[in-house]
């Protein structure tokens, strides 16, 4: 957990990486078909740029949760965890 937000209203950003490599940010949003989807947002593959991005977002949205997931198939794990459509 990189930052805790509001328990009931906070959006969630996931910093996903595999063994410390290729960090990128995923966010729950609405896809082109109107269903809940994972949206890639912000910079990727640069740890400092990814950190700077979520910290800027957090300053403008103190309810934002930021969760780091450093496992193989991180994107699939996040999708299975937060997408319920």
N, C-alpha and C. Protein backbone atom coordinates (compact mmCIF):
# COMPACT_ATOMS: atom_id res chain seq x y z
N UNK A 1 0.85 -1.16 0.00
CA UNK A 1 0.00 0.00 0.00
C UNK A 1 0.91 1.23 0.00
N UNK A 2 0.81 2.01 -1.06
CA UNK A 2 1.63 3.22 -1.15
C UNK A 2 0.91 4.42 -0.56
N UNK A 3 -0.43 4.45 -0.64
CA UNK A 3 -1.22 5.54 -0.06
C UNK A 3 -2.64 5.06 0.20
N UNK A 4 -3.16 5.40 1.38
CA UNK A 4 -4.53 5.03 1.73
C UNK A 4 -5.46 6.20 1.46
N UNK A 5 -6.61 5.88 0.86
CA UNK A 5 -7.62 6.90 0.58
C UNK A 5 -8.85 6.70 1.44
N UNK A 6 -9.94 7.29 1.02
CA UNK A 6 -11.21 7.18 1.72
C UNK A 6 -11.74 5.75 1.61
N UNK A 7 -12.24 5.21 2.71
CA UNK A 7 -12.71 3.82 2.74
C UNK A 7 -13.88 3.54 1.82
N UNK A 8 -14.71 4.53 1.56
CA UNK A 8 -15.91 4.27 0.77
C UNK A 8 -15.95 5.00 -0.57
N UNK A 9 -15.17 6.05 -0.72
CA UNK A 9 -15.31 6.85 -1.94
C UNK A 9 -14.03 6.98 -2.76
N UNK A 10 -12.94 6.49 -2.27
CA UNK A 10 -11.68 6.72 -2.96
C UNK A 10 -11.49 5.88 -4.21
N UNK A 11 -10.97 6.49 -5.26
CA UNK A 11 -10.57 5.76 -6.46
C UNK A 11 -9.31 4.97 -6.15
N UNK A 12 -8.99 4.01 -7.00
CA UNK A 12 -7.82 3.16 -6.77
C UNK A 12 -6.92 3.17 -8.00
N UNK A 13 -5.65 3.45 -7.78
CA UNK A 13 -4.62 3.29 -8.80
C UNK A 13 -3.77 2.09 -8.40
N UNK A 14 -3.42 1.27 -9.37
CA UNK A 14 -2.52 0.16 -9.13
C UNK A 14 -1.22 0.41 -9.87
N UNK A 15 -0.12 0.36 -9.14
CA UNK A 15 1.20 0.38 -9.77
C UNK A 15 1.57 -1.08 -9.95
N UNK A 16 1.51 -1.54 -11.19
CA UNK A 16 1.73 -2.95 -11.50
C UNK A 16 3.12 -3.13 -12.09
N UNK A 17 3.82 -4.14 -11.62
CA UNK A 17 5.13 -4.48 -12.14
C UNK A 17 5.40 -5.95 -11.90
N UNK A 18 6.38 -6.47 -12.59
CA UNK A 18 6.75 -7.88 -12.46
C UNK A 18 8.21 -7.95 -12.05
N UNK A 19 8.42 -8.33 -10.79
CA UNK A 19 9.77 -8.42 -10.22
C UNK A 19 10.52 -7.09 -10.31
N UNK A 20 9.82 -6.02 -10.05
CA UNK A 20 10.43 -4.70 -10.04
C UNK A 20 10.68 -4.11 -11.42
N UNK A 21 10.23 -4.76 -12.45
CA UNK A 21 10.46 -4.30 -13.82
C UNK A 21 9.17 -3.79 -14.47
N UNK A 22 9.32 -2.92 -15.44
CA UNK A 22 8.21 -2.44 -16.27
C UNK A 22 7.03 -1.89 -15.46
N UNK A 23 7.26 -0.94 -14.56
CA UNK A 23 6.12 -0.39 -13.80
C UNK A 23 5.16 0.36 -14.71
N UNK A 24 3.88 0.18 -14.46
CA UNK A 24 2.85 0.92 -15.17
C UNK A 24 1.64 1.06 -14.26
N UNK A 25 0.77 1.99 -14.61
CA UNK A 25 -0.36 2.31 -13.74
C UNK A 25 -1.65 1.85 -14.39
N UNK A 26 -2.48 1.20 -13.58
CA UNK A 26 -3.79 0.74 -14.01
C UNK A 26 -4.84 1.38 -13.10
N UNK A 27 -5.96 1.72 -13.71
CA UNK A 27 -7.04 2.37 -12.95
C UNK A 27 -8.37 1.79 -13.40
N UNK A 28 -9.26 1.59 -12.47
CA UNK A 28 -10.60 1.12 -12.81
C UNK A 28 -11.36 2.27 -13.44
N UNK A 29 -11.97 2.00 -14.58
CA UNK A 29 -12.72 3.03 -15.28
C UNK A 29 -13.78 2.41 -16.15
N UNK A 30 -14.32 3.19 -17.05
CA UNK A 30 -15.35 2.71 -17.96
C UNK A 30 -14.72 2.55 -19.35
N UNK A 31 -14.84 1.35 -19.91
CA UNK A 31 -14.30 1.07 -21.23
C UNK A 31 -15.20 1.59 -22.32
N UNK A 32 -14.77 1.46 -23.57
CA UNK A 32 -15.54 1.96 -24.71
C UNK A 32 -16.91 1.31 -24.85
N UNK A 33 -17.06 0.11 -24.29
CA UNK A 33 -18.35 -0.59 -24.38
C UNK A 33 -19.28 -0.25 -23.22
N UNK A 34 -18.84 0.67 -22.33
CA UNK A 34 -19.67 1.09 -21.20
C UNK A 34 -19.53 0.21 -19.97
N UNK A 35 -18.73 -0.83 -20.07
CA UNK A 35 -18.52 -1.73 -18.93
C UNK A 35 -17.28 -1.32 -18.14
N UNK A 36 -17.22 -1.75 -16.89
CA UNK A 36 -16.06 -1.49 -16.07
C UNK A 36 -14.84 -2.17 -16.70
N UNK A 37 -13.72 -1.43 -16.73
CA UNK A 37 -12.52 -1.95 -17.38
C UNK A 37 -11.28 -1.43 -16.65
N UNK A 38 -10.16 -2.08 -16.90
CA UNK A 38 -8.88 -1.56 -16.45
C UNK A 38 -8.35 -0.63 -17.52
N UNK A 39 -7.97 0.56 -17.10
CA UNK A 39 -7.47 1.56 -18.02
C UNK A 39 -6.01 1.81 -17.68
N UNK A 40 -5.13 1.70 -18.66
CA UNK A 40 -3.73 2.08 -18.46
C UNK A 40 -3.68 3.60 -18.47
N UNK A 41 -3.02 4.18 -17.50
CA UNK A 41 -2.95 5.62 -17.38
C UNK A 41 -1.55 6.03 -16.95
N UNK A 42 -1.18 7.25 -17.23
CA UNK A 42 0.11 7.76 -16.80
C UNK A 42 1.28 7.15 -17.56
N UNK A 43 2.49 7.46 -17.10
CA UNK A 43 3.69 6.95 -17.75
C UNK A 43 3.90 5.47 -17.44
N UNK A 44 4.80 4.86 -18.20
CA UNK A 44 5.14 3.44 -17.96
C UNK A 44 6.64 3.25 -18.13
N UNK A 45 7.13 2.19 -17.52
CA UNK A 45 8.51 1.74 -17.66
C UNK A 45 9.57 2.66 -17.05
N UNK A 46 9.18 3.67 -16.31
CA UNK A 46 10.11 4.58 -15.65
C UNK A 46 9.63 4.76 -14.22
N UNK A 47 10.32 4.11 -13.29
CA UNK A 47 9.89 4.10 -11.89
C UNK A 47 9.68 5.50 -11.34
N UNK A 48 10.61 6.42 -11.59
CA UNK A 48 10.47 7.78 -11.05
C UNK A 48 9.28 8.50 -11.67
N UNK A 49 9.07 8.35 -12.97
CA UNK A 49 7.94 9.00 -13.63
C UNK A 49 6.61 8.45 -13.12
N UNK A 50 6.56 7.14 -12.89
CA UNK A 50 5.35 6.51 -12.34
C UNK A 50 5.07 7.06 -10.93
N UNK A 51 6.11 7.13 -10.10
CA UNK A 51 5.96 7.66 -8.74
C UNK A 51 5.52 9.11 -8.77
N UNK A 52 6.15 9.91 -9.60
CA UNK A 52 5.77 11.33 -9.71
C UNK A 52 4.31 11.47 -10.12
N UNK A 53 3.87 10.63 -11.06
CA UNK A 53 2.49 10.68 -11.54
C UNK A 53 1.49 10.42 -10.42
N UNK A 54 1.67 9.29 -9.68
CA UNK A 54 0.67 8.99 -8.66
C UNK A 54 0.73 9.99 -7.52
N UNK A 55 1.91 10.52 -7.23
CA UNK A 55 2.00 11.53 -6.16
C UNK A 55 1.27 12.83 -6.56
N UNK A 56 1.37 13.22 -7.85
CA UNK A 56 0.61 14.39 -8.32
C UNK A 56 -0.89 14.14 -8.22
N UNK A 57 -1.31 12.97 -8.64
CA UNK A 57 -2.73 12.61 -8.56
C UNK A 57 -3.20 12.64 -7.11
N UNK A 58 -2.39 12.14 -6.22
CA UNK A 58 -2.74 12.07 -4.79
C UNK A 58 -2.87 13.47 -4.19
N UNK A 59 -2.00 14.39 -4.61
CA UNK A 59 -2.10 15.77 -4.10
C UNK A 59 -3.43 16.40 -4.48
N UNK A 60 -3.93 16.10 -5.68
CA UNK A 60 -5.20 16.69 -6.10
C UNK A 60 -6.41 15.87 -5.67
N UNK A 61 -6.18 14.63 -5.21
CA UNK A 61 -7.28 13.76 -4.76
C UNK A 61 -6.83 12.98 -3.52
N UNK A 62 -6.97 13.56 -2.33
CA UNK A 62 -6.50 12.89 -1.12
C UNK A 62 -7.27 11.61 -0.78
N UNK A 63 -8.40 11.37 -1.46
CA UNK A 63 -9.15 10.13 -1.23
C UNK A 63 -8.60 8.96 -2.04
N UNK A 64 -7.63 9.21 -2.92
CA UNK A 64 -7.08 8.21 -3.82
C UNK A 64 -6.25 7.16 -3.08
N UNK A 65 -6.55 5.91 -3.40
CA UNK A 65 -5.74 4.79 -2.92
C UNK A 65 -4.69 4.48 -3.98
N UNK A 66 -3.48 4.13 -3.55
CA UNK A 66 -2.43 3.71 -4.48
C UNK A 66 -1.86 2.40 -3.95
N UNK A 67 -2.03 1.35 -4.76
CA UNK A 67 -1.63 0.00 -4.36
C UNK A 67 -0.56 -0.49 -5.32
N UNK A 68 0.55 -0.97 -4.77
CA UNK A 68 1.61 -1.53 -5.61
C UNK A 68 1.46 -3.04 -5.65
N UNK A 69 1.49 -3.58 -6.87
CA UNK A 69 1.38 -5.02 -7.08
C UNK A 69 2.62 -5.44 -7.87
N UNK A 70 3.52 -6.18 -7.22
CA UNK A 70 4.76 -6.60 -7.85
C UNK A 70 4.79 -8.12 -7.92
N UNK A 71 4.09 -8.67 -8.92
CA UNK A 71 3.98 -10.11 -9.09
C UNK A 71 3.91 -10.43 -10.59
N UNK A 72 4.15 -11.68 -10.92
CA UNK A 72 3.95 -12.10 -12.31
C UNK A 72 2.47 -11.94 -12.66
N UNK A 73 2.18 -11.53 -13.86
CA UNK A 73 0.80 -11.34 -14.34
C UNK A 73 0.02 -10.37 -13.45
N UNK A 74 0.66 -9.28 -13.09
CA UNK A 74 0.03 -8.29 -12.20
C UNK A 74 -1.27 -7.74 -12.78
N UNK A 75 -1.29 -7.48 -14.08
CA UNK A 75 -2.50 -6.93 -14.69
C UNK A 75 -3.66 -7.91 -14.59
N UNK A 76 -3.40 -9.18 -14.80
CA UNK A 76 -4.47 -10.18 -14.68
C UNK A 76 -4.97 -10.27 -13.24
N UNK A 77 -4.06 -10.24 -12.27
CA UNK A 77 -4.44 -10.28 -10.85
C UNK A 77 -5.33 -9.10 -10.50
N UNK A 78 -4.93 -7.89 -10.94
CA UNK A 78 -5.73 -6.70 -10.65
C UNK A 78 -7.11 -6.83 -11.28
N UNK A 79 -7.17 -7.25 -12.53
CA UNK A 79 -8.46 -7.40 -13.21
C UNK A 79 -9.36 -8.38 -12.47
N UNK A 80 -8.82 -9.51 -12.06
CA UNK A 80 -9.62 -10.51 -11.36
C UNK A 80 -10.06 -10.01 -9.99
N UNK A 81 -9.30 -9.09 -9.41
CA UNK A 81 -9.60 -8.59 -8.07
C UNK A 81 -10.64 -7.48 -8.08
N UNK A 82 -10.60 -6.57 -9.06
CA UNK A 82 -11.48 -5.40 -8.97
C UNK A 82 -12.55 -5.31 -10.03
N UNK A 83 -12.51 -6.13 -11.07
CA UNK A 83 -13.55 -6.06 -12.09
C UNK A 83 -14.60 -7.13 -11.81
N UNK A 84 -15.84 -6.71 -11.69
CA UNK A 84 -16.91 -7.64 -11.31
C UNK A 84 -18.05 -7.68 -12.31
N UNK A 85 -17.82 -7.20 -13.54
CA UNK A 85 -18.89 -7.22 -14.55
C UNK A 85 -18.99 -8.58 -15.19
